[in-house]
Amino acid sequence: MTARKLLVDKCVAGAVVRRLRADGHDVVWIGERPADPGDEAILEEAHRDGRAIVTIDADFGTLVFHLNAPRVGVLRLKQARAAQLAERASALVEAHGSDLDEKAFVTDDGDRVRIRPA
């Protein structure tokens, strides 16, 4: 497994963060900060620090595809119970880490995964 640099949005459960860290990834979690800086600032930070974003929020798609914000890899998870979400996030980062490195937008629909390349 290749360790990835990830920035996890505040809306993602702490169980996901713990699992990704246990998998050996370098994870920054917005939920550990006193305030959420907002999606645009998160995207800018991820771009600056070379991190892929892990989120449940659909707004990153709008920023990336419609507002021409800086491009980073994004893994958009489907909402689920925390334990299931942690397992799914771990599997998706493992399976699609190279896509995230290439700044793809990876969307988990539950039944399938859609990948939109950079």
C-alpha atoms as a PDB file:
ATOM      1  CA  MET A   1       0.000   0.000   0.000  1.00  0.00           C
ATOM      2  CA  THR A   2       1.165   3.496  -0.846  1.00  0.00           C
ATOM      3  CA  ALA A   3       0.669   6.133   1.850  1.00  0.00           C
ATOM      4  CA  ARG A   4      -1.326   9.109   0.609  1.00  0.00           C
ATOM      5  CA  LYS A   5      -1.599  12.705   1.774  1.00  0.00           C
ATOM      6  CA  LEU A   6      -5.259  13.346   2.562  1.00  0.00           C
ATOM      7  CA  LEU A   7      -7.307  16.266   3.827  1.00  0.00           C
ATOM      8  CA  VAL A   8     -10.544  15.018   5.371  1.00  0.00           C
ATOM      9  CA  ASP A   9     -13.538  17.332   5.498  1.00  0.00           C
ATOM     10  CA  LYS A  10     -15.285  18.062   8.798  1.00  0.00           C
ATOM     11  CA  CYS A  11     -18.454  16.281   7.639  1.00  0.00           C
ATOM     12  CA  VAL A  12     -16.618  12.946   7.568  1.00  0.00           C
ATOM     13  CA  ALA A  13     -16.789  10.817  10.733  1.00  0.00           C
ATOM     14  CA  GLY A  14     -13.785  10.519  13.003  1.00  0.00           C
ATOM     15  CA  ALA A  15     -13.865   6.738  12.493  1.00  0.00           C
ATOM     16  CA  VAL A  16     -12.816   7.343   8.884  1.00  0.00           C
ATOM     17  CA  VAL A  17      -9.905   9.507   9.975  1.00  0.00           C
ATOM     18  CA  ARG A  18      -8.752   6.903  12.510  1.00  0.00           C
ATOM     19  CA  ARG A  19      -8.940   4.135   9.920  1.00  0.00           C
ATOM     20  CA  LEU A  20      -7.050   6.093   7.255  1.00  0.00           C
ATOM     21  CA  ARG A  21      -4.343   6.978   9.778  1.00  0.00           C
ATOM     22  CA  ALA A  22      -4.146   3.327  10.880  1.00  0.00           C
ATOM     23  CA  ASP A  23      -3.675   2.442   7.205  1.00  0.00           C
ATOM     24  CA  GLY A  24      -0.566   4.668   7.248  1.00  0.00           C
ATOM     25  CA  HIS A  25      -1.895   7.706   5.412  1.00  0.00           C
ATOM     26  CA  ASP A  26      -0.873  11.271   6.313  1.00  0.00           C
ATOM     27  CA  VAL A  27      -4.277  12.667   7.295  1.00  0.00           C
ATOM     28  CA  VAL A  28      -5.257  16.225   8.187  1.00  0.00           C
ATOM     29  CA  TRP A  29      -8.837  16.423   9.531  1.00  0.00           C
ATOM     30  CA  ILE A  30     -10.746  19.698   9.483  1.00  0.00           C
ATOM     31  CA  GLY A  31     -12.824  18.297  12.388  1.00  0.00           C
ATOM     32  CA  GLU A  32      -9.815  18.732  14.677  1.00  0.00           C
ATOM     33  CA  ARG A  33      -9.788  22.478  14.112  1.00  0.00           C
ATOM     34  CA  PRO A  34     -11.785  24.992  16.131  1.00  0.00           C
ATOM     35  CA  ALA A  35     -13.649  26.258  13.061  1.00  0.00           C
ATOM     36  CA  ASP A  36     -14.420  25.011   9.577  1.00  0.00           C
ATOM     37  CA  PRO A  37     -12.704  27.376   7.102  1.00  0.00           C
ATOM     38  CA  GLY A  38     -15.176  26.608   4.300  1.00  0.00           C
ATOM     39  CA  ASP A  39     -14.920  24.599   1.120  1.00  0.00           C
ATOM     40  CA  GLU A  40     -12.907  27.108  -0.908  1.00  0.00           C
ATOM     41  CA  ALA A  41     -10.243  27.403   1.809  1.00  0.00           C
ATOM     42  CA  ILE A  42     -10.136  23.606   2.187  1.00  0.00           C
ATOM     43  CA  LEU A  43      -9.628  23.223  -1.549  1.00  0.00           C
ATOM     44  CA  GLU A  44      -6.868  25.838  -1.559  1.00  0.00           C
ATOM     45  CA  GLU A  45      -5.121  24.154   1.390  1.00  0.00           C
ATOM     46  CA  ALA A  46      -5.303  20.738  -0.279  1.00  0.00           C
ATOM     47  CA  HIS A  47      -3.886  22.200  -3.489  1.00  0.00           C
ATOM     48  CA  ARG A  48      -1.085  24.000  -1.660  1.00  0.00           C
ATOM     49  CA  ASP A  49      -0.127  20.944   0.431  1.00  0.00           C
ATOM     50  CA  GLY A  50      -0.530  18.317  -2.295  1.00  0.00           C
ATOM     51  CA  ARG A  51      -3.391  16.494  -0.562  1.00  0.00           C
ATOM     52  CA  ALA A  52      -6.478  14.764  -1.908  1.00  0.00           C
ATOM     53  CA  ILE A  53      -9.771  15.680  -0.246  1.00  0.00           C
ATOM     54  CA  VAL A  54     -12.045  13.079   1.345  1.00  0.00           C
ATOM     55  CA  THR A  55     -15.589  14.364   1.798  1.00  0.00           C
ATOM     56  CA  ILE A  56     -19.289  13.604   1.714  1.00  0.00           C
ATOM     57  CA  ASP A  57     -20.064  17.128   0.498  1.00  0.00           C
ATOM     58  CA  ALA A  58     -21.111  17.552  -3.151  1.00  0.00           C
ATOM     59  CA  ASP A  59     -20.013  21.199  -3.161  1.00  0.00           C
ATOM     60  CA  PHE A  60     -16.428  20.316  -4.111  1.00  0.00           C
ATOM     61  CA  GLY A  61     -17.698  19.110  -7.489  1.00  0.00           C
ATOM     62  CA  THR A  62     -19.272  22.494  -8.095  1.00  0.00           C
ATOM     63  CA  LEU A  63     -16.061  24.281  -7.153  1.00  0.00           C
ATOM     64  CA  VAL A  64     -13.847  22.073  -9.298  1.00  0.00           C
ATOM     65  CA  PHE A  65     -16.017  21.609 -12.383  1.00  0.00           C
ATOM     66  CA  HIS A  66     -18.047  24.809 -12.593  1.00  0.00           C
ATOM     67  CA  LEU A  67     -16.057  27.519 -10.837  1.00  0.00           C
ATOM     68  CA  ASN A  68     -12.590  26.522 -12.068  1.00  0.00           C
ATOM     69  CA  ALA A  69     -11.104  26.229  -8.589  1.00  0.00           C
ATOM     70  CA  PRO A  70      -7.647  24.649  -8.282  1.00  0.00           C
ATOM     71  CA  ARG A  71      -7.791  20.951  -9.132  1.00  0.00           C
ATOM     72  CA  VAL A  72      -6.967  18.310  -6.523  1.00  0.00           C
ATOM     73  CA  GLY A  73      -7.994  14.694  -6.165  1.00  0.00           C
ATOM     74  CA  VAL A  74     -11.365  14.350  -4.450  1.00  0.00           C
ATOM     75  CA  LEU A  75     -12.914  11.219  -2.978  1.00  0.00           C
ATOM     76  CA  ARG A  76     -16.621  11.833  -2.421  1.00  0.00           C
ATOM     77  CA  LEU A  77     -18.094   9.188  -0.169  1.00  0.00           C
ATOM     78  CA  LYS A  78     -21.709   8.142   0.081  1.00  0.00           C
ATOM     79  CA  GLN A  79     -23.124   8.738   3.571  1.00  0.00           C
ATOM     80  CA  ALA A  80     -23.211   5.583   5.697  1.00  0.00           C
ATOM     81  CA  ARG A  81     -22.777   4.486   9.297  1.00  0.00           C
ATOM     82  CA  ALA A  82     -19.345   5.470  10.608  1.00  0.00           C
ATOM     83  CA  ALA A  83     -17.897   1.942  10.742  1.00  0.00           C
ATOM     84  CA  GLN A  84     -19.075   1.164   7.198  1.00  0.00           C
ATOM     85  CA  LEU A  85     -17.821   4.509   5.957  1.00  0.00           C
ATOM     86  CA  ALA A  86     -14.387   3.878   7.467  1.00  0.00           C
ATOM     87  CA  GLU A  87     -14.094   0.505   5.733  1.00  0.00           C
ATOM     88  CA  ARG A  88     -15.326   1.907   2.432  1.00  0.00           C
ATOM     89  CA  ALA A  89     -12.989   4.921   2.562  1.00  0.00           C
ATOM     90  CA  SER A  90     -10.032   2.667   3.311  1.00  0.00           C
ATOM     91  CA  ALA A  91     -10.841   0.380   0.377  1.00  0.00           C
ATOM     92  CA  LEU A  92     -11.442   3.274  -2.018  1.00  0.00           C
ATOM     93  CA  VAL A  93      -8.224   5.087  -1.134  1.00  0.00           C
ATOM     94  CA  GLU A  94      -6.356   1.813  -1.667  1.00  0.00           C
ATOM     95  CA  ALA A  95      -8.086   1.042  -4.972  1.00  0.00           C
ATOM     96  CA  HIS A  96      -8.147   4.588  -6.385  1.00  0.00           C
ATOM     97  CA  GLY A  97      -5.163   6.284  -4.736  1.00  0.00           C
ATOM     98  CA  SER A  98      -3.365   6.667  -8.050  1.00  0.00           C
ATOM     99  CA  ASP A  99      -6.488   8.300  -9.524  1.00  0.00           C
ATOM    100  CA  LEU A 100      -6.541  10.734  -6.597  1.00  0.00           C
ATOM    101  CA  ASP A 101      -2.835  11.447  -7.168  1.00  0.00           C
ATOM    102  CA  GLU A 102      -3.739  12.322 -10.759  1.00  0.00           C
ATOM    103  CA  LYS A 103      -6.375  14.789  -9.469  1.00  0.00           C
ATOM    104  CA  ALA A 104      -9.394  12.713 -10.458  1.00  0.00           C
ATOM    105  CA  PHE A 105     -12.800  13.181  -8.870  1.00  0.00           C
ATOM    106  CA  VAL A 106     -13.771   9.769  -7.476  1.00  0.00           C
ATOM    107  CA  THR A 107     -17.422   9.389  -6.470  1.00  0.00           C
ATOM    108  CA  ASP A 108     -18.740   6.447  -4.473  1.00  0.00           C
ATOM    109  CA  ASP A 109     -22.381   5.834  -5.338  1.00  0.00           C
ATOM    110  CA  GLY A 110     -22.601   2.808  -3.069  1.00  0.00           C
ATOM    111  CA  ASP A 111     -23.192   0.356  -5.909  1.00  0.00           C
ATOM    112  CA  ARG A 112     -20.484   1.682  -8.174  1.00  0.00           C
ATOM    113  CA  VAL A 113     -17.570   4.096  -8.304  1.00  0.00           C
ATOM    114  CA  ARG A 114     -17.405   6.851 -10.902  1.00  0.00           C
ATOM    115  CA  ILE A 115     -14.062   8.400 -11.822  1.00  0.00           C
ATOM    116  CA  ARG A 116     -13.808  11.704 -13.591  1.00  0.00           C
ATOM    117  CA  PRO A 117     -10.194  12.310 -14.635  1.00  0.00           C
ATOM    118  CA  ALA A 118      -8.509  15.683 -14.369  1.00  0.00           C
END
